Amino acid sequence: MSENNDLERKLSDMLTEGDMEQGDRKAQELREISPKYEIRIQTTLDPIVEETLRYRKIGRELDGRYDKYLERAEKSSNLEAHSAAKEDDK
């Protein structure tokens, strides 16, 4: 039991003795702040559409959760022409 008390006392001494390291607190805070801006890259192909089309070639979706997304993607970019071009590449 005295060993435990001895270890606790040594640990307490190590934590309370000496100067606390302050460092450059302002610089540390600035490094931890998340950036204000987010960089986005415009792509010609939608990875969600591409992956969904691949999965649909393999099997059938049970709930059709991506149907609305594919409809919106088809309206914004001609998905059928894209699919046909992909089929021609094979």
PDB file of N, CA and C in Angstrom:
ATOM      1  N   MET A   1       0.823  -1.191   0.000  1.00  0.00           N
ATOM      2  CA  MET A   1       0.000   0.000   0.000  1.00  0.00           C
ATOM      3  C   MET A   1       0.866   1.252   0.000  1.00  0.00           C
ATOM      4  N   SER A   2       2.003   1.165   0.682  1.00  0.00           N
ATOM      5  CA  SER A   2       2.888   2.326   0.734  1.00  0.00           C
ATOM      6  C   SER A   2       3.485   2.624  -0.634  1.00  0.00           C
ATOM      7  N   GLU A   3       3.628   1.571  -1.463  1.00  0.00           N
ATOM      8  CA  GLU A   3       4.141   1.783  -2.820  1.00  0.00           C
ATOM      9  C   GLU A   3       3.172   2.634  -3.634  1.00  0.00           C
ATOM     10  N   ASN A   4       1.873   2.352  -3.512  1.00  0.00           N
ATOM     11  CA  ASN A   4       0.868   3.138  -4.230  1.00  0.00           C
ATOM     12  C   ASN A   4       0.889   4.583  -3.783  1.00  0.00           C
ATOM     13  N   ASN A   5       0.978   4.789  -2.470  1.00  0.00           N
ATOM     14  CA  ASN A   5       1.032   6.161  -1.950  1.00  0.00           C
ATOM     15  C   ASN A   5       2.289   6.866  -2.412  1.00  0.00           C
ATOM     16  N   ASP A   6       3.375   6.112  -2.472  1.00  0.00           N
ATOM     17  CA  ASP A   6       4.654   6.662  -2.911  1.00  0.00           C
ATOM     18  C   ASP A   6       4.562   7.092  -4.383  1.00  0.00           C
ATOM     19  N   LEU A   7       3.963   6.223  -5.209  1.00  0.00           N
ATOM     20  CA  LEU A   7       3.807   6.541  -6.632  1.00  0.00           C
ATOM     21  C   LEU A   7       2.884   7.741  -6.832  1.00  0.00           C
ATOM     22  N   GLU A   8       1.800   7.800  -6.066  1.00  0.00           N
ATOM     23  CA  GLU A   8       0.885   8.935  -6.171  1.00  0.00           C
ATOM     24  C   GLU A   8       1.562  10.232  -5.768  1.00  0.00           C
ATOM     25  N   ARG A   9       2.370  10.185  -4.727  1.00  0.00           N
ATOM     26  CA  ARG A   9       3.074  11.392  -4.277  1.00  0.00           C
ATOM     27  C   ARG A   9       4.073  11.847  -5.331  1.00  0.00           C
ATOM     28  N   LYS A  10       4.801  10.904  -5.939  1.00  0.00           N
ATOM     29  CA  LYS A  10       5.770  11.252  -6.983  1.00  0.00           C
ATOM     30  C   LYS A  10       5.059  11.860  -8.194  1.00  0.00           C
ATOM     31  N   LEU A  11       3.933  11.265  -8.561  1.00  0.00           N
ATOM     32  CA  LEU A  11       3.173  11.791  -9.689  1.00  0.00           C
ATOM     33  C   LEU A  11       2.653  13.183  -9.392  1.00  0.00           C
ATOM     34  N   SER A  12       2.149  13.375  -8.193  1.00  0.00           N
ATOM     35  CA  SER A  12       1.645  14.686  -7.798  1.00  0.00           C
ATOM     36  C   SER A  12       2.756  15.729  -7.821  1.00  0.00           C
ATOM     37  N   ASP A  13       3.942  15.354  -7.343  1.00  0.00           N
ATOM     38  CA  ASP A  13       5.086  16.269  -7.355  1.00  0.00           C
ATOM     39  C   ASP A  13       5.486  16.627  -8.782  1.00  0.00           C
ATOM     40  N   MET A  14       5.484  15.631  -9.659  1.00  0.00           N
ATOM     41  CA  MET A  14       5.869  15.888 -11.050  1.00  0.00           C
ATOM     42  C   MET A  14       4.886  16.835 -11.728  1.00  0.00           C
ATOM     43  N   LEU A  15       3.600  16.700 -11.387  1.00  0.00           N
ATOM     44  CA  LEU A  15       2.594  17.537 -12.024  1.00  0.00           C
ATOM     45  C   LEU A  15       2.541  18.952 -11.461  1.00  0.00           C
ATOM     46  N   THR A  16       2.907  19.125 -10.215  1.00  0.00           N
ATOM     47  CA  THR A  16       2.777  20.448  -9.599  1.00  0.00           C
ATOM     48  C   THR A  16       4.078  21.232  -9.555  1.00  0.00           C
ATOM     49  N   GLU A  17       5.211  20.587  -9.642  1.00  0.00           N
ATOM     50  CA  GLU A  17       6.484  21.306  -9.568  1.00  0.00           C
ATOM     51  C   GLU A  17       6.894  21.847 -10.918  1.00  0.00           C
ATOM     52  N   GLY A  18       7.671  22.889 -10.915  1.00  0.00           N
ATOM     53  CA  GLY A  18       8.209  23.453 -12.140  1.00  0.00           C
ATOM     54  C   GLY A  18       7.250  24.448 -12.781  1.00  0.00           C
ATOM     55  N   ASP A  19       7.759  25.123 -13.793  1.00  0.00           N
ATOM     56  CA  ASP A  19       6.961  26.105 -14.515  1.00  0.00           C
ATOM     57  C   ASP A  19       6.105  25.413 -15.575  1.00  0.00           C
ATOM     58  N   MET A  20       4.925  25.933 -15.727  1.00  0.00           N
ATOM     59  CA  MET A  20       4.044  25.414 -16.742  1.00  0.00           C
ATOM     60  C   MET A  20       4.463  25.971 -18.102  1.00  0.00           C
ATOM     61  N   GLU A  21       4.475  25.145 -19.114  1.00  0.00           N
ATOM     62  CA  GLU A  21       4.853  25.606 -20.448  1.00  0.00           C
ATOM     63  C   GLU A  21       3.688  26.349 -21.072  1.00  0.00           C
ATOM     64  N   GLN A  22       3.872  27.633 -21.325  1.00  0.00           N
ATOM     65  CA  GLN A  22       2.828  28.441 -21.948  1.00  0.00           C
ATOM     66  C   GLN A  22       2.952  28.415 -23.465  1.00  0.00           C
ATOM     67  N   GLY A  23       4.175  28.529 -23.950  1.00  0.00           N
ATOM     68  CA  GLY A  23       4.380  28.566 -25.394  1.00  0.00           C
ATOM     69  C   GLY A  23       3.732  29.807 -25.987  1.00  0.00           C
ATOM     70  N   ASP A  24       3.542  29.797 -27.260  1.00  0.00           N
ATOM     71  CA  ASP A  24       2.882  30.900 -27.949  1.00  0.00           C
ATOM     72  C   ASP A  24       1.403  30.548 -28.072  1.00  0.00           C
ATOM     73  N   ARG A  25       0.620  30.986 -27.114  1.00  0.00           N
ATOM     74  CA  ARG A  25      -0.783  30.608 -27.029  1.00  0.00           C
ATOM     75  C   ARG A  25      -1.589  31.127 -28.223  1.00  0.00           C
ATOM     76  N   LYS A  26      -1.315  32.345 -28.646  1.00  0.00           N
ATOM     77  CA  LYS A  26      -2.036  32.915 -29.791  1.00  0.00           C
ATOM     78  C   LYS A  26      -1.808  32.091 -31.056  1.00  0.00           C
ATOM     79  N   ALA A  27      -0.552  31.720 -31.310  1.00  0.00           N
ATOM     80  CA  ALA A  27      -0.238  30.927 -32.502  1.00  0.00           C
ATOM     81  C   ALA A  27      -0.917  29.563 -32.429  1.00  0.00           C
ATOM     82  N   GLN A  28      -0.964  28.961 -31.252  1.00  0.00           N
ATOM     83  CA  GLN A  28      -1.621  27.666 -31.078  1.00  0.00           C
ATOM     84  C   GLN A  28      -3.118  27.783 -31.353  1.00  0.00           C
ATOM     85  N   GLU A  29      -3.738  28.841 -30.857  1.00  0.00           N
ATOM     86  CA  GLU A  29      -5.172  29.039 -31.080  1.00  0.00           C
ATOM     87  C   GLU A  29      -5.475  29.241 -32.564  1.00  0.00           C
ATOM     88  N   LEU A  30      -4.624  29.994 -33.262  1.00  0.00           N
ATOM     89  CA  LEU A  30      -4.826  30.219 -34.687  1.00  0.00           C
ATOM     90  C   LEU A  30      -4.694  28.933 -35.494  1.00  0.00           C
ATOM     91  N   ARG A  31      -3.791  28.046 -35.086  1.00  0.00           N
ATOM     92  CA  ARG A  31      -3.630  26.770 -35.787  1.00  0.00           C
ATOM     93  C   ARG A  31      -4.846  25.868 -35.597  1.00  0.00           C
ATOM     94  N   GLU A  32      -5.517  25.997 -34.460  1.00  0.00           N
ATOM     95  CA  GLU A  32      -6.644  25.121 -34.155  1.00  0.00           C
ATOM     96  C   GLU A  32      -7.970  25.613 -34.743  1.00  0.00           C
ATOM     97  N   ILE A  33      -8.039  26.865 -35.163  1.00  0.00           N
ATOM     98  CA  ILE A  33      -9.266  27.407 -35.728  1.00  0.00           C
ATOM     99  C   ILE A  33      -9.491  26.797 -37.109  1.00  0.00           C
ATOM    100  N   SER A  34     -10.724  26.392 -37.368  1.00  0.00           N
ATOM    101  CA  SER A  34     -11.017  25.812 -38.679  1.00  0.00           C
ATOM    102  C   SER A  34     -11.024  26.913 -39.735  1.00  0.00           C
ATOM    103  N   PRO A  35     -10.700  26.572 -40.970  1.00  0.00           N
ATOM    104  CA  PRO A  35     -10.645  27.595 -42.021  1.00  0.00           C
ATOM    105  C   PRO A  35     -12.037  28.130 -42.357  1.00  0.00           C
ATOM    106  N   LYS A  36     -12.065  29.393 -42.802  1.00  0.00           N
ATOM    107  CA  LYS A  36     -13.332  30.032 -43.169  1.00  0.00           C
ATOM    108  C   LYS A  36     -13.835  29.537 -44.515  1.00  0.00           C
ATOM    109  N   TYR A  37     -12.914  29.174 -45.385  1.00  0.00           N
ATOM    110  CA  TYR A  37     -13.283  28.855 -46.749  1.00  0.00           C
ATOM    111  C   TYR A  37     -13.076  27.380 -47.034  1.00  0.00           C
ATOM    112  N   GLU A  38     -13.842  26.896 -47.968  1.00  0.00           N
ATOM    113  CA  GLU A  38     -13.746  25.508 -48.394  1.00  0.00           C
ATOM    114  C   GLU A  38     -13.474  25.508 -49.891  1.00  0.00           C
ATOM    115  N   ILE A  39     -12.533  24.716 -50.312  1.00  0.00           N
ATOM    116  CA  ILE A  39     -12.175  24.654 -51.723  1.00  0.00           C
ATOM    117  C   ILE A  39     -12.945  23.515 -52.356  1.00  0.00           C
ATOM    118  N   ARG A  40     -13.658  23.810 -53.422  1.00  0.00           N
ATOM    119  CA  ARG A  40     -14.407  22.796 -54.162  1.00  0.00           C
ATOM    120  C   ARG A  40     -13.914  22.779 -55.591  1.00  0.00           C
ATOM    121  N   ILE A  41     -13.860  21.603 -56.155  1.00  0.00           N
ATOM    122  CA  ILE A  41     -13.379  21.438 -57.510  1.00  0.00           C
ATOM    123  C   ILE A  41     -14.543  20.987 -58.385  1.00  0.00           C
ATOM    124  N   GLN A  42     -14.753  21.688 -59.476  1.00  0.00           N
ATOM    125  CA  GLN A  42     -15.814  21.341 -60.416  1.00  0.00           C
ATOM    126  C   GLN A  42     -15.360  20.149 -61.253  1.00  0.00           C
ATOM    127  N   THR A  43     -16.190  19.120 -61.319  1.00  0.00           N
ATOM    128  CA  THR A  43     -15.854  17.956 -62.123  1.00  0.00           C
ATOM    129  C   THR A  43     -16.888  17.774 -63.227  1.00  0.00           C
ATOM    130  N   THR A  44     -16.493  17.071 -64.244  1.00  0.00           N
ATOM    131  CA  THR A  44     -17.428  16.828 -65.353  1.00  0.00           C
ATOM    132  C   THR A  44     -18.309  15.620 -65.070  1.00  0.00           C
ATOM    133  N   LEU A  45     -17.831  14.694 -64.275  1.00  0.00           N
ATOM    134  CA  LEU A  45     -18.595  13.491 -63.942  1.00  0.00           C
ATOM    135  C   LEU A  45     -18.975  13.520 -62.467  1.00  0.00           C
ATOM    136  N   ASP A  46     -20.182  13.091 -62.169  1.00  0.00           N
ATOM    137  CA  ASP A  46     -20.652  13.014 -60.790  1.00  0.00           C
ATOM    138  C   ASP A  46     -20.324  11.630 -60.240  1.00  0.00           C
ATOM    139  N   PRO A  47     -19.484  11.524 -59.223  1.00  0.00           N
ATOM    140  CA  PRO A  47     -19.098  10.201 -58.729  1.00  0.00           C
ATOM    141  C   PRO A  47     -20.270   9.408 -58.159  1.00  0.00           C
ATOM    142  N   ILE A  48     -21.272  10.074 -57.616  1.00  0.00           N
ATOM    143  CA  ILE A  48     -22.433   9.368 -57.078  1.00  0.00           C
ATOM    144  C   ILE A  48     -23.218   8.724 -58.217  1.00  0.00           C
ATOM    145  N   VAL A  49     -23.398   9.464 -59.290  1.00  0.00           N
ATOM    146  CA  VAL A  49     -24.109   8.929 -60.450  1.00  0.00           C
ATOM    147  C   VAL A  49     -23.335   7.752 -61.039  1.00  0.00           C
ATOM    148  N   GLU A  50     -22.037   7.923 -61.184  1.00  0.00           N
ATOM    149  CA  GLU A  50     -21.211   6.855 -61.755  1.00  0.00           C
ATOM    150  C   GLU A  50     -21.313   5.574 -60.931  1.00  0.00           C
ATOM    151  N   GLU A  51     -21.191   5.707 -59.631  1.00  0.00           N
ATOM    152  CA  GLU A  51     -21.244   4.530 -58.766  1.00  0.00           C
ATOM    153  C   GLU A  51     -22.633   3.900 -58.764  1.00  0.00           C
ATOM    154  N   THR A  52     -23.671   4.732 -58.753  1.00  0.00           N
ATOM    155  CA  THR A  52     -25.037   4.210 -58.775  1.00  0.00           C
ATOM    156  C   THR A  52     -25.304   3.437 -60.051  1.00  0.00           C
ATOM    157  N   LEU A  53     -24.853   3.966 -61.181  1.00  0.00           N
ATOM    158  CA  LEU A  53     -25.044   3.258 -62.452  1.00  0.00           C
ATOM    159  C   LEU A  53     -24.302   1.924 -62.464  1.00  0.00           C
ATOM    160  N   ARG A  54     -23.118   1.875 -61.878  1.00  0.00           N
ATOM    161  CA  ARG A  54     -22.374   0.614 -61.810  1.00  0.00           C
ATOM    162  C   ARG A  54     -23.109  -0.408 -60.951  1.00  0.00           C
ATOM    163  N   TYR A  55     -23.603   0.050 -59.796  1.00  0.00           N
ATOM    164  CA  TYR A  55     -24.330  -0.876 -58.922  1.00  0.00           C
ATOM    165  C   TYR A  55     -25.619  -1.367 -59.571  1.00  0.00           C
ATOM    166  N   ARG A  56     -26.266  -0.516 -60.322  1.00  0.00           N
ATOM    167  CA  ARG A  56     -27.511  -0.923 -60.980  1.00  0.00           C
ATOM    168  C   ARG A  56     -27.265  -1.937 -62.084  1.00  0.00           C
ATOM    169  N   LYS A  57     -26.056  -1.956 -62.640  1.00  0.00           N
ATOM    170  CA  LYS A  57     -25.730  -2.996 -63.610  1.00  0.00           C
ATOM    171  C   LYS A  57     -25.589  -4.348 -62.908  1.00  0.00           C
ATOM    172  N   ILE A  58     -25.158  -4.331 -61.677  1.00  0.00           N
ATOM    173  CA  ILE A  58     -24.949  -5.566 -60.917  1.00  0.00           C
ATOM    174  C   ILE A  58     -26.273  -6.114 -60.378  1.00  0.00           C
ATOM    175  N   GLY A  59     -27.068  -5.241 -59.779  1.00  0.00           N
ATOM    176  CA  GLY A  59     -28.295  -5.706 -59.157  1.00  0.00           C
ATOM    177  C   GLY A  59     -29.335  -4.609 -59.064  1.00  0.00           C
ATOM    178  N   ARG A  60     -30.434  -4.933 -58.389  1.00  0.00           N
ATOM    179  CA  ARG A  60     -31.561  -4.019 -58.269  1.00  0.00           C
ATOM    180  C   ARG A  60     -31.584  -3.433 -56.862  1.00  0.00           C
ATOM    181  N   GLU A  61     -31.893  -2.134 -56.766  1.00  0.00           N
ATOM    182  CA  GLU A  61     -32.043  -1.488 -55.458  1.00  0.00           C
ATOM    183  C   GLU A  61     -33.397  -1.875 -54.863  1.00  0.00           C
ATOM    184  N   LEU A  62     -33.418  -2.088 -53.571  1.00  0.00           N
ATOM    185  CA  LEU A  62     -34.675  -2.454 -52.921  1.00  0.00           C
ATOM    186  C   LEU A  62     -35.559  -1.253 -52.646  1.00  0.00           C
ATOM    187  N   ASP A  63     -34.945  -0.133 -52.307  1.00  0.00           N
ATOM    188  CA  ASP A  63     -35.742   1.032 -51.908  1.00  0.00           C
ATOM    189  C   ASP A  63     -35.721   2.176 -52.913  1.00  0.00           C
ATOM    190  N   GLY A  64     -34.872   2.135 -53.899  1.00  0.00           N
ATOM    191  CA  GLY A  64     -34.830   3.186 -54.912  1.00  0.00           C
ATOM    192  C   GLY A  64     -34.442   4.550 -54.364  1.00  0.00           C
ATOM    193  N   ARG A  65     -33.572   4.566 -53.371  1.00  0.00           N
ATOM    194  CA  ARG A  65     -33.234   5.826 -52.705  1.00  0.00           C
ATOM    195  C   ARG A  65     -32.499   6.819 -53.600  1.00  0.00           C
ATOM    196  N   TYR A  66     -31.876   6.338 -54.668  1.00  0.00           N
ATOM    197  CA  TYR A  66     -31.126   7.244 -55.537  1.00  0.00           C
ATOM    198  C   TYR A  66     -31.903   7.654 -56.780  1.00  0.00           C
ATOM    199  N   ASP A  67     -33.150   7.220 -56.899  1.00  0.00           N
ATOM    200  CA  ASP A  67     -33.940   7.557 -58.083  1.00  0.00           C
ATOM    201  C   ASP A  67     -34.101   9.059 -58.261  1.00  0.00           C
ATOM    202  N   LYS A  68     -34.469   9.770 -57.204  1.00  0.00           N
ATOM    203  CA  LYS A  68     -34.662  11.224 -57.301  1.00  0.00           C
ATOM    204  C   LYS A  68     -33.352  11.931 -57.633  1.00  0.00           C
ATOM    205  N   TYR A  69     -32.263  11.452 -57.033  1.00  0.00           N
ATOM    206  CA  TYR A  69     -30.963  12.068 -57.306  1.00  0.00           C
ATOM    207  C   TYR A  69     -30.583  11.894 -58.769  1.00  0.00           C
ATOM    208  N   LEU A  70     -30.809  10.697 -59.301  1.00  0.00           N
ATOM    209  CA  LEU A  70     -30.484  10.452 -60.705  1.00  0.00           C
ATOM    210  C   LEU A  70     -31.363  11.279 -61.633  1.00  0.00           C
ATOM    211  N   GLU A  71     -32.629  11.471 -61.254  1.00  0.00           N
ATOM    212  CA  GLU A  71     -33.516  12.321 -62.066  1.00  0.00           C
ATOM    213  C   GLU A  71     -33.008  13.759 -62.101  1.00  0.00           C
ATOM    214  N   ARG A  72     -32.601  14.270 -60.947  1.00  0.00           N
ATOM    215  CA  ARG A  72     -32.065  15.646 -60.912  1.00  0.00           C
ATOM    216  C   ARG A  72     -30.767  15.742 -61.693  1.00  0.00           C
ATOM    217  N   ALA A  73     -29.925  14.736 -61.584  1.00  0.00           N
ATOM    218  CA  ALA A  73     -28.658  14.747 -62.310  1.00  0.00           C
ATOM    219  C   ALA A  73     -28.894  14.660 -63.806  1.00  0.00           C
ATOM    220  N   GLU A  74     -29.924  13.900 -64.186  1.00  0.00           N
ATOM    221  CA  GLU A  74     -30.254  13.768 -65.604  1.00  0.00           C
ATOM    222  C   GLU A  74     -30.723  15.101 -66.171  1.00  0.00           C
ATOM    223  N   LYS A  75     -31.485  15.852 -65.384  1.00  0.00           N
ATOM    224  CA  LYS A  75     -31.961  17.153 -65.847  1.00  0.00           C
ATOM    225  C   LYS A  75     -30.813  18.139 -65.985  1.00  0.00           C
ATOM    226  N   SER A  76     -29.905  18.136 -65.032  1.00  0.00           N
ATOM    227  CA  SER A  76     -28.820  19.117 -65.065  1.00  0.00           C
ATOM    228  C   SER A  76     -27.765  18.780 -66.111  1.00  0.00           C
ATOM    229  N   SER A  77     -27.483  17.521 -66.287  1.00  0.00           N
ATOM    230  CA  SER A  77     -26.550  17.112 -67.347  1.00  0.00           C
ATOM    231  C   SER A  77     -27.132  15.897 -68.035  1.00  0.00           C
ATOM    232  N   ASN A  78     -26.956  15.811 -69.284  1.00  0.00           N
ATOM    233  CA  ASN A  78     -27.592  14.761 -70.055  1.00  0.00           C
ATOM    234  C   ASN A  78     -27.004  13.410 -69.670  1.00  0.00           C
ATOM    235  N   LEU A  79     -27.635  12.748 -68.730  1.00  0.00           N
ATOM    236  CA  LEU A  79     -27.150  11.488 -68.184  1.00  0.00           C
ATOM    237  C   LEU A  79     -27.223  10.361 -69.203  1.00  0.00           C
ATOM    238  N   GLU A  80     -28.256  10.352 -70.018  1.00  0.00           N
ATOM    239  CA  GLU A  80     -28.410   9.283 -70.994  1.00  0.00           C
ATOM    240  C   GLU A  80     -27.280   9.293 -72.011  1.00  0.00           C
ATOM    241  N   ALA A  81     -26.919  10.483 -72.467  1.00  0.00           N
ATOM    242  CA  ALA A  81     -25.820  10.585 -73.426  1.00  0.00           C
ATOM    243  C   ALA A  81     -24.522  10.137 -72.778  1.00  0.00           C
ATOM    244  N   HIS A  82     -24.373  10.466 -71.511  1.00  0.00           N
ATOM    245  CA  HIS A  82     -23.177  10.076 -70.772  1.00  0.00           C
ATOM    246  C   HIS A  82     -23.120   8.558 -70.626  1.00  0.00           C
ATOM    247  N   SER A  83     -24.249   7.942 -70.307  1.00  0.00           N
ATOM    248  CA  SER A  83     -24.304   6.484 -70.146  1.00  0.00           C
ATOM    249  C   SER A  83     -24.003   5.791 -71.470  1.00  0.00           C
ATOM    250  N   ALA A  84     -24.562   6.318 -72.541  1.00  0.00           N
ATOM    251  CA  ALA A  84     -24.320   5.734 -73.855  1.00  0.00           C
ATOM    252  C   ALA A  84     -22.851   5.846 -74.236  1.00  0.00           C
ATOM    253  N   ALA A  85     -22.244   6.969 -73.932  1.00  0.00           N
ATOM    254  CA  ALA A  85     -20.823   7.152 -74.230  1.00  0.00           C
ATOM    255  C   ALA A  85     -19.987   6.171 -73.427  1.00  0.00           C
ATOM    256  N   LYS A  86     -20.406   5.914 -72.190  1.00  0.00           N
ATOM    257  CA  LYS A  86     -19.676   4.954 -71.346  1.00  0.00           C
ATOM    258  C   LYS A  86     -19.801   3.554 -71.924  1.00  0.00           C
ATOM    259  N   GLU A  87     -20.986   3.201 -72.411  1.00  0.00           N
ATOM    260  CA  GLU A  87     -21.213   1.881 -72.998  1.00  0.00           C
ATOM    261  C   GLU A  87     -20.391   1.706 -74.263  1.00  0.00           C
ATOM    262  N   ASP A  88     -20.249   2.782 -75.048  1.00  0.00           N
ATOM    263  CA  ASP A  88     -19.487   2.721 -76.304  1.00  0.00           C
ATOM    264  C   ASP A  88     -18.001   2.511 -76.031  1.00  0.00           C
ATOM    265  N   ASP A  89     -17.518   3.018 -74.875  1.00  0.00           N
ATOM    266  CA  ASP A  89     -16.106   2.888 -74.520  1.00  0.00           C
ATOM    267  C   ASP A  89     -15.744   1.438 -74.198  1.00  0.00           C
ATOM    268  N   LYS A  90     -16.728   0.635 -73.828  1.00  0.00           N
ATOM    269  CA  LYS A  90     -16.433  -0.751 -73.423  1.00  0.00           C
ATOM    270  C   LYS A  90     -16.245  -1.602 -74.588  1.00  0.00           C
TER     271      LYS A  90
END
